[in-house]
N, C-alpha and C. Protein backbone atom coordinates (compact mmCIF):
# COMPACT_ATOMS: atom_id res chain seq x y z
N MET A 1 -6.94 4.24 -19.83
CA MET A 1 -5.93 4.15 -18.79
C MET A 1 -6.10 2.84 -18.03
N LYS A 2 -5.03 2.12 -17.90
CA LYS A 2 -5.06 0.83 -17.23
C LYS A 2 -4.65 1.01 -15.77
N TYR A 3 -5.50 0.53 -14.87
CA TYR A 3 -5.17 0.57 -13.45
C TYR A 3 -5.70 -0.67 -12.76
N VAL A 4 -5.22 -0.91 -11.54
CA VAL A 4 -5.64 -2.08 -10.77
C VAL A 4 -5.92 -1.65 -9.33
N ILE A 5 -6.70 -2.45 -8.66
CA ILE A 5 -6.88 -2.33 -7.21
C ILE A 5 -6.16 -3.53 -6.62
N VAL A 6 -5.19 -3.26 -5.74
CA VAL A 6 -4.35 -4.31 -5.18
C VAL A 6 -4.43 -4.25 -3.67
N GLU A 7 -4.35 -5.42 -3.04
CA GLU A 7 -4.35 -5.50 -1.58
C GLU A 7 -2.94 -5.77 -1.09
N CYS A 8 -2.51 -4.98 -0.10
CA CYS A 8 -1.17 -5.12 0.46
C CYS A 8 -1.24 -4.75 1.93
N GLY A 9 -0.93 -5.69 2.80
CA GLY A 9 -0.96 -5.41 4.23
C GLY A 9 -2.35 -5.20 4.77
N GLY A 10 -3.37 -5.82 4.17
CA GLY A 10 -4.72 -5.69 4.65
C GLY A 10 -5.42 -4.42 4.19
N LYS A 11 -4.77 -3.62 3.36
CA LYS A 11 -5.37 -2.39 2.85
C LYS A 11 -5.39 -2.44 1.32
N GLN A 12 -6.29 -1.68 0.72
CA GLN A 12 -6.43 -1.69 -0.74
C GLN A 12 -5.90 -0.38 -1.32
N TYR A 13 -5.19 -0.50 -2.45
CA TYR A 13 -4.58 0.64 -3.10
C TYR A 13 -4.89 0.61 -4.58
N ARG A 14 -4.99 1.80 -5.17
CA ARG A 14 -5.17 1.92 -6.62
C ARG A 14 -3.80 2.21 -7.23
N ALA A 15 -3.43 1.44 -8.24
CA ALA A 15 -2.11 1.58 -8.86
C ALA A 15 -2.25 1.56 -10.37
N ALA A 16 -1.49 2.42 -11.03
CA ALA A 16 -1.41 2.46 -12.48
C ALA A 16 0.05 2.33 -12.87
N GLU A 17 0.31 1.96 -14.12
CA GLU A 17 1.68 1.82 -14.58
C GLU A 17 2.40 3.16 -14.52
N GLY A 18 3.59 3.16 -13.91
CA GLY A 18 4.37 4.38 -13.80
C GLY A 18 4.04 5.24 -12.59
N SER A 19 3.03 4.85 -11.81
CA SER A 19 2.64 5.67 -10.66
C SER A 19 3.39 5.26 -9.40
N LEU A 20 3.36 6.14 -8.42
CA LEU A 20 3.96 5.86 -7.11
C LEU A 20 2.85 5.49 -6.14
N VAL A 21 3.08 4.44 -5.34
CA VAL A 21 2.11 3.98 -4.36
C VAL A 21 2.80 3.86 -3.02
N SER A 22 2.20 4.45 -1.98
CA SER A 22 2.75 4.35 -0.63
C SER A 22 1.98 3.28 0.13
N VAL A 23 2.69 2.24 0.59
CA VAL A 23 2.09 1.14 1.33
C VAL A 23 2.80 1.01 2.69
N ASP A 24 2.22 0.22 3.59
CA ASP A 24 2.89 -0.04 4.86
C ASP A 24 4.24 -0.68 4.57
N ARG A 25 5.18 -0.49 5.47
CA ARG A 25 6.57 -0.89 5.24
C ARG A 25 6.68 -2.36 4.82
N LEU A 26 7.44 -2.57 3.75
CA LEU A 26 7.72 -3.91 3.24
C LEU A 26 9.19 -4.23 3.47
N PRO A 27 9.51 -5.50 3.68
CA PRO A 27 10.93 -5.86 3.82
C PRO A 27 11.64 -5.70 2.48
N GLY A 28 12.89 -5.30 2.55
CA GLY A 28 13.68 -5.13 1.34
C GLY A 28 14.40 -3.80 1.37
N ASN A 29 15.36 -3.67 0.46
CA ASN A 29 16.15 -2.45 0.36
C ASN A 29 15.68 -1.62 -0.82
N VAL A 30 16.13 -0.38 -0.85
CA VAL A 30 15.80 0.52 -1.95
C VAL A 30 16.37 -0.06 -3.25
N GLY A 31 15.53 -0.12 -4.27
CA GLY A 31 15.94 -0.67 -5.55
C GLY A 31 15.55 -2.12 -5.76
N ASP A 32 15.14 -2.80 -4.71
CA ASP A 32 14.73 -4.20 -4.83
C ASP A 32 13.40 -4.31 -5.57
N PRO A 33 13.23 -5.36 -6.38
CA PRO A 33 11.94 -5.57 -7.04
C PRO A 33 10.93 -6.20 -6.08
N VAL A 34 9.66 -5.85 -6.26
CA VAL A 34 8.57 -6.36 -5.44
C VAL A 34 7.48 -6.86 -6.38
N THR A 35 6.90 -8.01 -6.06
CA THR A 35 5.79 -8.56 -6.83
C THR A 35 4.56 -8.60 -5.95
N LEU A 36 3.49 -7.95 -6.41
CA LEU A 36 2.22 -7.95 -5.69
C LEU A 36 1.24 -8.78 -6.50
N ASP A 37 0.72 -9.86 -5.90
CA ASP A 37 -0.17 -10.75 -6.64
C ASP A 37 -1.59 -10.77 -6.09
N GLN A 38 -1.88 -9.94 -5.10
CA GLN A 38 -3.22 -9.88 -4.51
C GLN A 38 -4.05 -8.83 -5.26
N VAL A 39 -4.31 -9.07 -6.54
CA VAL A 39 -5.03 -8.11 -7.39
C VAL A 39 -6.52 -8.40 -7.31
N LEU A 40 -7.30 -7.37 -6.95
CA LEU A 40 -8.75 -7.53 -6.79
C LEU A 40 -9.53 -7.10 -8.02
N LEU A 41 -9.00 -6.12 -8.77
CA LEU A 41 -9.72 -5.60 -9.93
C LEU A 41 -8.71 -5.08 -10.95
N VAL A 42 -9.01 -5.32 -12.22
CA VAL A 42 -8.19 -4.78 -13.31
C VAL A 42 -9.13 -3.98 -14.21
N ALA A 43 -8.79 -2.71 -14.46
CA ALA A 43 -9.60 -1.85 -15.31
C ALA A 43 -8.73 -1.40 -16.49
N ASP A 44 -9.23 -1.63 -17.70
CA ASP A 44 -8.53 -1.21 -18.91
C ASP A 44 -9.54 -0.50 -19.80
N ASP A 45 -9.52 0.83 -19.79
CA ASP A 45 -10.48 1.67 -20.50
C ASP A 45 -11.92 1.30 -20.08
N ASP A 46 -12.67 0.64 -20.96
CA ASP A 46 -14.06 0.30 -20.64
C ASP A 46 -14.24 -1.11 -20.11
N LYS A 47 -13.17 -1.90 -20.10
CA LYS A 47 -13.26 -3.29 -19.67
C LYS A 47 -12.84 -3.41 -18.21
N PHE A 48 -13.61 -4.17 -17.43
CA PHE A 48 -13.30 -4.40 -16.03
C PHE A 48 -13.22 -5.90 -15.79
N LEU A 49 -12.19 -6.31 -15.06
CA LEU A 49 -12.01 -7.71 -14.69
C LEU A 49 -12.03 -7.76 -13.17
N VAL A 50 -13.10 -8.29 -12.60
CA VAL A 50 -13.27 -8.33 -11.15
C VAL A 50 -12.99 -9.73 -10.66
N GLY A 51 -12.16 -9.85 -9.64
CA GLY A 51 -11.81 -11.15 -9.09
C GLY A 51 -12.82 -11.63 -8.09
N THR A 52 -12.80 -12.94 -7.85
CA THR A 52 -13.70 -13.54 -6.85
C THR A 52 -12.90 -14.43 -5.91
N PRO A 53 -12.16 -13.98 -4.96
CA PRO A 53 -11.89 -12.59 -4.62
C PRO A 53 -10.70 -12.00 -5.38
N LEU A 54 -9.85 -12.85 -6.00
CA LEU A 54 -8.66 -12.34 -6.68
C LEU A 54 -8.74 -12.62 -8.17
N VAL A 55 -8.10 -11.77 -8.97
CA VAL A 55 -8.00 -11.99 -10.41
C VAL A 55 -6.86 -12.96 -10.65
N LYS A 56 -7.16 -14.11 -11.25
CA LYS A 56 -6.13 -15.14 -11.47
C LYS A 56 -5.18 -14.68 -12.57
N GLY A 57 -3.89 -14.85 -12.29
CA GLY A 57 -2.87 -14.52 -13.27
C GLY A 57 -2.48 -13.05 -13.33
N ALA A 58 -3.08 -12.22 -12.52
CA ALA A 58 -2.73 -10.80 -12.52
C ALA A 58 -1.62 -10.54 -11.51
N VAL A 59 -0.58 -9.85 -11.96
CA VAL A 59 0.60 -9.59 -11.13
C VAL A 59 1.06 -8.15 -11.38
N ILE A 60 1.50 -7.49 -10.32
CA ILE A 60 2.09 -6.16 -10.43
C ILE A 60 3.57 -6.27 -10.12
N LYS A 61 4.39 -5.77 -11.01
CA LYS A 61 5.83 -5.70 -10.78
C LYS A 61 6.15 -4.26 -10.40
N ALA A 62 6.81 -4.10 -9.24
CA ALA A 62 7.14 -2.76 -8.74
C ALA A 62 8.57 -2.76 -8.21
N LYS A 63 9.06 -1.56 -7.91
CA LYS A 63 10.40 -1.37 -7.39
C LYS A 63 10.31 -0.46 -6.17
N ILE A 64 11.08 -0.78 -5.12
CA ILE A 64 11.09 0.04 -3.91
C ILE A 64 11.88 1.31 -4.19
N VAL A 65 11.23 2.45 -3.99
CA VAL A 65 11.87 3.74 -4.23
C VAL A 65 12.47 4.29 -2.94
N GLU A 66 11.70 4.22 -1.83
CA GLU A 66 12.20 4.72 -0.55
C GLU A 66 11.39 4.15 0.60
N HIS A 67 12.00 4.20 1.79
CA HIS A 67 11.33 3.92 3.04
C HIS A 67 11.26 5.24 3.78
N TYR A 68 10.11 5.55 4.38
CA TYR A 68 9.99 6.81 5.11
C TYR A 68 8.98 6.67 6.23
N LYS A 69 8.98 7.67 7.11
CA LYS A 69 8.04 7.70 8.24
C LYS A 69 6.94 8.70 7.95
N GLY A 70 5.74 8.38 8.39
CA GLY A 70 4.61 9.27 8.21
C GLY A 70 4.58 10.37 9.25
N LYS A 71 3.52 11.14 9.24
CA LYS A 71 3.33 12.24 10.17
C LYS A 71 3.14 11.70 11.59
N LYS A 72 3.64 12.42 12.58
CA LYS A 72 3.52 11.99 13.97
C LYS A 72 2.09 12.16 14.47
N ILE A 73 1.60 11.14 15.14
CA ILE A 73 0.28 11.17 15.75
C ILE A 73 0.46 11.16 17.26
N LEU A 74 -0.13 12.12 17.94
CA LEU A 74 -0.03 12.18 19.40
C LEU A 74 -1.25 11.52 20.03
N VAL A 75 -1.00 10.70 21.04
CA VAL A 75 -2.05 10.00 21.77
C VAL A 75 -1.97 10.46 23.22
N PHE A 76 -3.09 10.93 23.77
CA PHE A 76 -3.11 11.46 25.13
C PHE A 76 -4.21 10.78 25.93
N HIS A 77 -3.83 10.07 27.00
CA HIS A 77 -4.79 9.42 27.90
C HIS A 77 -4.93 10.29 29.14
N TYR A 78 -6.17 10.55 29.54
CA TYR A 78 -6.43 11.45 30.66
C TYR A 78 -7.65 10.97 31.42
N LYS A 79 -7.53 10.92 32.74
CA LYS A 79 -8.68 10.60 33.58
C LYS A 79 -8.82 11.72 34.61
N SER A 80 -9.97 12.33 34.62
CA SER A 80 -10.18 13.47 35.52
C SER A 80 -10.22 13.00 36.97
N ARG A 81 -9.75 13.85 37.85
CA ARG A 81 -9.74 13.65 39.32
C ARG A 81 -8.91 12.44 39.75
N GLU A 82 -8.13 11.86 38.87
CA GLU A 82 -7.32 10.71 39.25
C GLU A 82 -5.84 10.94 39.00
N ASN A 83 -5.47 12.12 38.53
CA ASN A 83 -4.08 12.49 38.28
C ASN A 83 -3.40 11.49 37.32
N ILE A 84 -4.16 11.05 36.33
CA ILE A 84 -3.60 10.13 35.34
C ILE A 84 -3.52 10.87 34.01
N ARG A 85 -2.31 11.10 33.56
CA ARG A 85 -2.06 11.75 32.28
C ARG A 85 -0.90 11.03 31.61
N LYS A 86 -1.15 10.51 30.44
CA LYS A 86 -0.09 9.79 29.73
C LYS A 86 -0.10 10.23 28.27
N ARG A 87 1.04 10.68 27.77
CA ARG A 87 1.14 11.12 26.38
C ARG A 87 2.16 10.26 25.65
N SER A 88 1.80 9.82 24.47
CA SER A 88 2.74 9.06 23.66
C SER A 88 2.52 9.44 22.20
N GLY A 89 3.49 9.12 21.38
CA GLY A 89 3.40 9.43 19.97
C GLY A 89 3.67 8.19 19.12
N HIS A 90 3.28 8.28 17.86
CA HIS A 90 3.48 7.16 16.94
C HIS A 90 3.76 7.71 15.55
N ARG A 91 4.73 7.13 14.87
CA ARG A 91 5.01 7.46 13.47
C ARG A 91 5.01 6.17 12.67
N GLN A 92 4.04 6.04 11.78
CA GLN A 92 3.91 4.84 10.95
C GLN A 92 5.02 4.82 9.90
N GLN A 93 5.56 3.65 9.64
CA GLN A 93 6.61 3.51 8.63
C GLN A 93 5.98 3.03 7.31
N TYR A 94 6.38 3.68 6.23
CA TYR A 94 5.83 3.39 4.91
C TYR A 94 6.94 3.04 3.92
N THR A 95 6.52 2.41 2.82
CA THR A 95 7.40 2.13 1.69
C THR A 95 6.75 2.71 0.45
N ARG A 96 7.51 3.45 -0.33
CA ARG A 96 6.99 4.02 -1.57
C ARG A 96 7.44 3.11 -2.72
N LEU A 97 6.47 2.66 -3.53
CA LEU A 97 6.73 1.76 -4.65
C LEU A 97 6.51 2.47 -5.97
N GLN A 98 7.36 2.18 -6.95
CA GLN A 98 7.19 2.64 -8.33
C GLN A 98 6.65 1.46 -9.13
N VAL A 99 5.43 1.57 -9.63
CA VAL A 99 4.80 0.47 -10.40
C VAL A 99 5.43 0.46 -11.79
N GLU A 100 6.05 -0.66 -12.15
CA GLU A 100 6.71 -0.76 -13.45
C GLU A 100 5.81 -1.41 -14.50
N SER A 101 5.12 -2.47 -14.12
CA SER A 101 4.25 -3.12 -15.12
C SER A 101 3.09 -3.85 -14.43
N ILE A 102 2.00 -3.95 -15.19
CA ILE A 102 0.82 -4.71 -14.76
C ILE A 102 0.63 -5.82 -15.77
N GLN A 103 0.70 -7.07 -15.30
CA GLN A 103 0.60 -8.22 -16.20
C GLN A 103 -0.67 -8.99 -15.89
N VAL A 104 -1.48 -9.23 -16.92
CA VAL A 104 -2.70 -10.00 -16.78
C VAL A 104 -2.67 -11.12 -17.80
N GLU A 105 -2.90 -12.34 -17.37
CA GLU A 105 -2.91 -13.49 -18.30
C GLU A 105 -4.30 -13.72 -18.84
């Protein structure tokens, strides 16, 4: 099974051909092609190609499937005896990618 470790938005993700990968929101519309070239590792059965820090010539071609919001996270600030209570929420925006091909030169 061929898979890669790719960096996108400061985070690392494992991707294989035909798999879905959720990354932080990327610019673009649904159906647009995306090229990820920050490949850190390529694994093909028993062979591993490790970059220093990147694998030269390795590119992932993907397609944007959807944009969506993650689960809501509640943040509550409280200070005792000072009547300070502040509640806020946050929903991270994500992009789901369909990996179409992994190309290594």
